[in-house]
Protein backbone atom coordinates (compact mmCIF):
# COMPACT_ATOMS: atom_id res chain seq x y z
CA MET A 1 0.05 -0.07 -0.08
CA ALA A 2 2.87 2.52 0.83
CA PHE A 3 4.20 1.92 -2.93
CA SER A 4 0.81 3.18 -4.35
CA LYS A 5 0.35 5.90 -2.37
CA ARG A 6 4.52 6.85 -3.03
CA ARG A 7 3.64 6.37 -6.74
CA SER A 8 0.03 8.51 -6.72
CA ARG A 9 2.04 11.07 -5.21
CA ASP A 10 4.79 11.11 -7.58
CA ALA A 11 2.33 10.95 -10.41
CA LEU A 12 0.57 13.93 -9.06
CA LEU A 13 4.18 15.73 -8.72
CA VAL A 14 4.31 14.82 -12.27
CA VAL A 15 0.87 16.15 -13.49
CA VAL A 16 1.34 19.53 -11.44
CA ALA A 17 4.78 20.42 -12.98
CA ALA A 18 3.47 19.73 -16.36
CA ALA A 19 0.57 21.97 -15.71
CA ARG A 20 3.12 24.63 -14.85
CA LEU A 21 5.25 23.99 -17.66
CA ALA A 22 2.27 24.38 -20.15
CA LEU A 23 1.20 27.52 -18.24
CA ALA A 24 4.63 29.04 -19.08
CA ALA A 25 5.22 27.68 -22.37
CA PRO A 26 4.65 30.25 -24.87
CA GLY A 27 3.03 27.67 -27.29
CA CYS A 28 0.62 26.67 -25.14
CA THR A 29 -0.40 30.08 -23.56
CA GLY A 30 -3.22 30.38 -26.70
CA LYS A 31 -1.20 33.43 -28.11
CA ASP A 32 -0.54 32.84 -31.70
CA PRO A 33 3.73 32.82 -32.31
CA THR A 34 2.69 33.78 -35.86
CA LYS A 35 0.62 36.90 -34.92
CA PRO A 36 2.84 38.99 -32.55
CA GLY A 37 1.55 42.42 -31.43
CA THR A 38 -1.42 44.34 -33.19
CA SER A 39 -1.93 44.27 -37.05
CA ILE A 40 -0.84 46.94 -39.34
CA GLY A 41 -2.31 45.15 -42.29
CA VAL A 42 -1.41 43.35 -45.52
CA PHE A 43 0.76 45.16 -47.89
CA GLY A 44 0.87 44.27 -51.56
CA VAL A 45 4.62 44.64 -52.85
CA GLU A 46 5.99 45.45 -55.89
CA ALA A 47 10.08 44.34 -55.86
CA LYS A 48 11.88 45.74 -58.67
CA LEU A 49 15.24 43.84 -59.37
CA VAL A 50 18.11 46.29 -58.75
CA SER A 51 21.27 43.66 -58.72
CA THR A 52 22.00 40.16 -58.89
CA THR A 53 24.99 37.60 -59.12
CA GLY A 54 22.75 34.95 -58.74
CA GLY A 55 21.44 34.40 -61.90
CA SER A 56 17.62 34.39 -63.29
CA VAL A 57 15.30 35.72 -60.55
CA PRO A 58 11.75 37.48 -60.92
CA ASP A 59 11.43 40.85 -61.97
CA PRO A 60 9.39 42.79 -61.07
CA TRP A 61 8.52 40.20 -58.10
CA LYS A 62 5.12 40.94 -56.55
CA PHE A 63 3.79 39.10 -53.50
CA ASP A 64 2.04 40.02 -50.28
CA VAL A 65 2.93 40.73 -46.55
CA ARG A 66 1.58 41.20 -43.15
CA LEU A 67 3.18 43.73 -40.91
CA ARG A 68 2.24 43.86 -37.25
CA HIS A 69 3.72 45.94 -34.41
CA ASP A 70 4.27 45.97 -30.48
CA GLY A 71 5.52 49.21 -29.29
CA ALA A 72 8.65 50.02 -31.01
CA THR A 73 8.84 46.47 -32.73
CA LEU A 74 8.03 46.10 -36.10
CA TYR A 75 7.22 42.39 -37.42
CA TRP A 76 7.49 40.98 -40.92
CA VAL A 77 4.95 38.20 -41.16
CA GLN A 78 5.49 35.83 -44.19
CA GLY A 79 5.64 32.30 -44.50
CA ASP A 80 8.02 31.22 -41.37
CA ALA A 81 8.19 32.77 -38.05
CA PRO A 82 7.84 36.56 -38.23
CA ILE A 83 11.12 38.49 -38.70
CA ALA A 84 11.42 41.37 -36.08
CA ALA A 85 13.56 44.54 -35.70
CA PRO A 86 13.28 47.86 -33.62
CA ILE A 87 11.23 50.67 -35.13
CA ASP A 88 12.65 54.48 -34.73
CA ALA A 89 11.07 57.64 -34.40
CA SER A 90 11.02 58.26 -38.33
CA ASP A 91 9.35 54.91 -38.75
CA HIS A 92 12.50 52.90 -40.15
CA ALA A 93 13.42 49.19 -39.32
CA VAL A 94 16.14 46.95 -40.71
CA LEU A 95 14.82 43.37 -40.16
CA THR A 96 17.27 40.38 -40.70
CA SER A 97 16.97 36.83 -40.53
CA SER A 98 19.34 33.95 -41.57
CA VAL A 99 18.99 30.10 -42.16
CA VAL A 100 21.50 27.18 -42.94
CA SER A 101 20.07 24.61 -44.93
CA GLU A 102 21.54 21.12 -46.25
CA MET A 103 21.45 21.46 -50.08
CA ARG A 104 23.08 17.96 -50.53
CA PRO A 105 24.31 15.25 -47.90
CA ALA A 106 27.92 14.16 -47.83
CA ASN A 107 28.53 11.37 -50.09
CA GLU A 108 30.86 8.80 -48.63
CA LYS A 109 31.61 6.87 -51.64
CA THR A 110 32.92 9.72 -53.47
CA LYS A 111 34.31 11.50 -50.34
CA THR A 112 32.44 14.44 -51.49
CA ALA A 113 31.54 16.95 -48.65
CA ALA A 114 28.08 17.86 -47.98
CA CYS A 115 26.69 21.04 -49.45
CA VAL A 116 25.52 23.50 -46.97
CA MET A 117 24.58 27.10 -48.18
CA SER A 118 24.03 29.89 -45.37
CA ARG A 119 21.13 32.66 -46.50
CA ALA A 120 21.00 35.88 -44.99
CA ASP A 121 18.18 38.34 -45.76
CA VAL A 122 17.79 42.03 -44.89
CA VAL A 123 14.69 44.23 -45.36
CA ASP A 124 15.30 47.83 -44.93
CA LEU A 125 11.92 50.02 -44.69
CA VAL A 126 10.48 53.17 -44.12
CA LEU A 127 6.54 53.46 -43.18
CA THR A 128 4.38 55.81 -44.53
CA SER A 129 1.57 56.96 -42.30
CA PRO A 130 -0.81 59.82 -42.07
CA SER A 131 -0.22 60.26 -38.44
CA THR A 132 2.64 59.30 -35.78
CA ASP A 133 0.88 55.91 -35.10
CA VAL A 134 2.88 52.80 -36.77
CA GLY A 135 -0.72 51.33 -36.73
CA ALA A 136 -1.91 53.65 -39.50
CA ALA A 137 0.87 52.78 -42.23
CA THR A 138 -0.39 53.11 -45.22
CA SER A 139 2.89 52.15 -47.41
CA PHE A 140 6.33 51.48 -47.21
CA THR A 141 9.34 52.01 -49.16
CA GLY A 142 12.78 50.26 -48.95
CA SER A 143 14.96 47.55 -50.22
CA LEU A 144 15.27 43.66 -50.03
CA GLY A 145 18.73 41.62 -49.87
CA TYR A 146 19.26 38.04 -50.26
CA THR A 147 22.76 36.48 -49.61
CA PHE A 148 23.75 32.91 -50.32
CA ALA A 149 27.36 31.32 -49.69
CA ALA A 150 28.35 27.72 -48.83
CA THR A 151 29.70 27.24 -45.38
CA ASP A 152 33.26 26.44 -44.43
CA GLY A 153 33.71 22.94 -45.57
CA SER A 154 31.04 22.61 -47.89
CA SER A 155 31.39 21.27 -51.32
CA CYS A 156 28.50 22.72 -53.47
CA GLU A 157 29.97 23.04 -57.00
CA ASP A 158 27.07 20.89 -58.42
CA GLN A 159 24.92 23.66 -56.94
CA LEU A 160 26.24 25.98 -59.68
CA ALA A 161 24.13 26.30 -63.10
CA GLU A 162 27.07 25.00 -65.50
CA SER A 163 26.69 21.56 -63.42
CA GLY A 164 22.71 21.59 -63.49
CA GLY A 165 22.11 23.72 -60.33
CA ASP A 166 20.34 26.64 -59.45
CA PHE A 167 22.97 29.44 -58.94
CA ALA A 168 25.24 31.50 -61.29
CA THR A 169 28.04 31.99 -59.27
CA ILE A 170 28.52 31.15 -55.11
CA PRO A 171 28.41 33.31 -53.13
CA CYS A 172 25.86 35.42 -54.69
CA SER A 173 23.42 38.05 -53.73
CA VAL A 174 20.11 39.54 -54.77
CA SER A 175 19.08 43.12 -54.41
CA TYR A 176 15.48 44.66 -54.80
CA GLU A 177 13.82 48.05 -54.19
CA LEU A 178 10.30 47.90 -52.47
CA VAL A 179 7.48 49.93 -52.64
CA ALA A 180 4.22 48.50 -50.97
CA THR A 181 0.92 49.58 -50.17
CA ARG A 182 -1.68 48.52 -47.77
CA THR A 183 -4.29 46.36 -49.45
CA GLY A 184 -6.13 45.14 -46.45
CA ASP A 185 -6.60 44.30 -42.79
CA ALA A 186 -5.25 41.64 -41.27
CA ARG A 187 -5.96 39.99 -38.02
C-alpha cells in the first residue's frame, strides 16, 4: 500500500509540474506565435530588381506581406516565423534573418563533403503613415537583399548552373527596391 501511495503522489507531482510548464510555455498560452503584437495590415509589395549575381530571378516580383507592431517593434510576417526589429522615431526598421540549409548530404562513396548553404536576408524599410501611429501605416518603401554562401567545409560545385544547379555563382546576392501599399487588414 505504501508503494501505491508514493506512486500516486509522484504521479500527482508530475502532473502538477507538467501543468506549470504548460502555463509557462509560449506555445501553450493560446497566443499565436505567427501573430505577435497588433496588426498594421496586409501590404501588396512590388519588388524591382536592382542587382543579382545569382542568375535568373523574378523582375518585377510581386508578393504580399503582413506587418504587425508591438510598441517600438515591427514584425514582418510572411511564411515562417515573423522577423522582428526595432522601429525608430522616423518609422524606419532594418529586419534581418538567416538560415542554414543542407542542399545535399555528404557522399561517402565519392568522398564529397555535404553542401550546406547559408542565406542571409535584410529588409530595410520606412513606413508612411498619415499620423504618428505606426499602426496607421498605409505604405512603405525600402530594399530587400538576399545573400547565399557555402559554409566552411562545404562542397557546393554541383549547385552551380554549369553543373545543373540553380546558382550562377556562389557566393551570390540579389537586391530589390521595394514599394508597398496597404491592401487590407490582417488579424
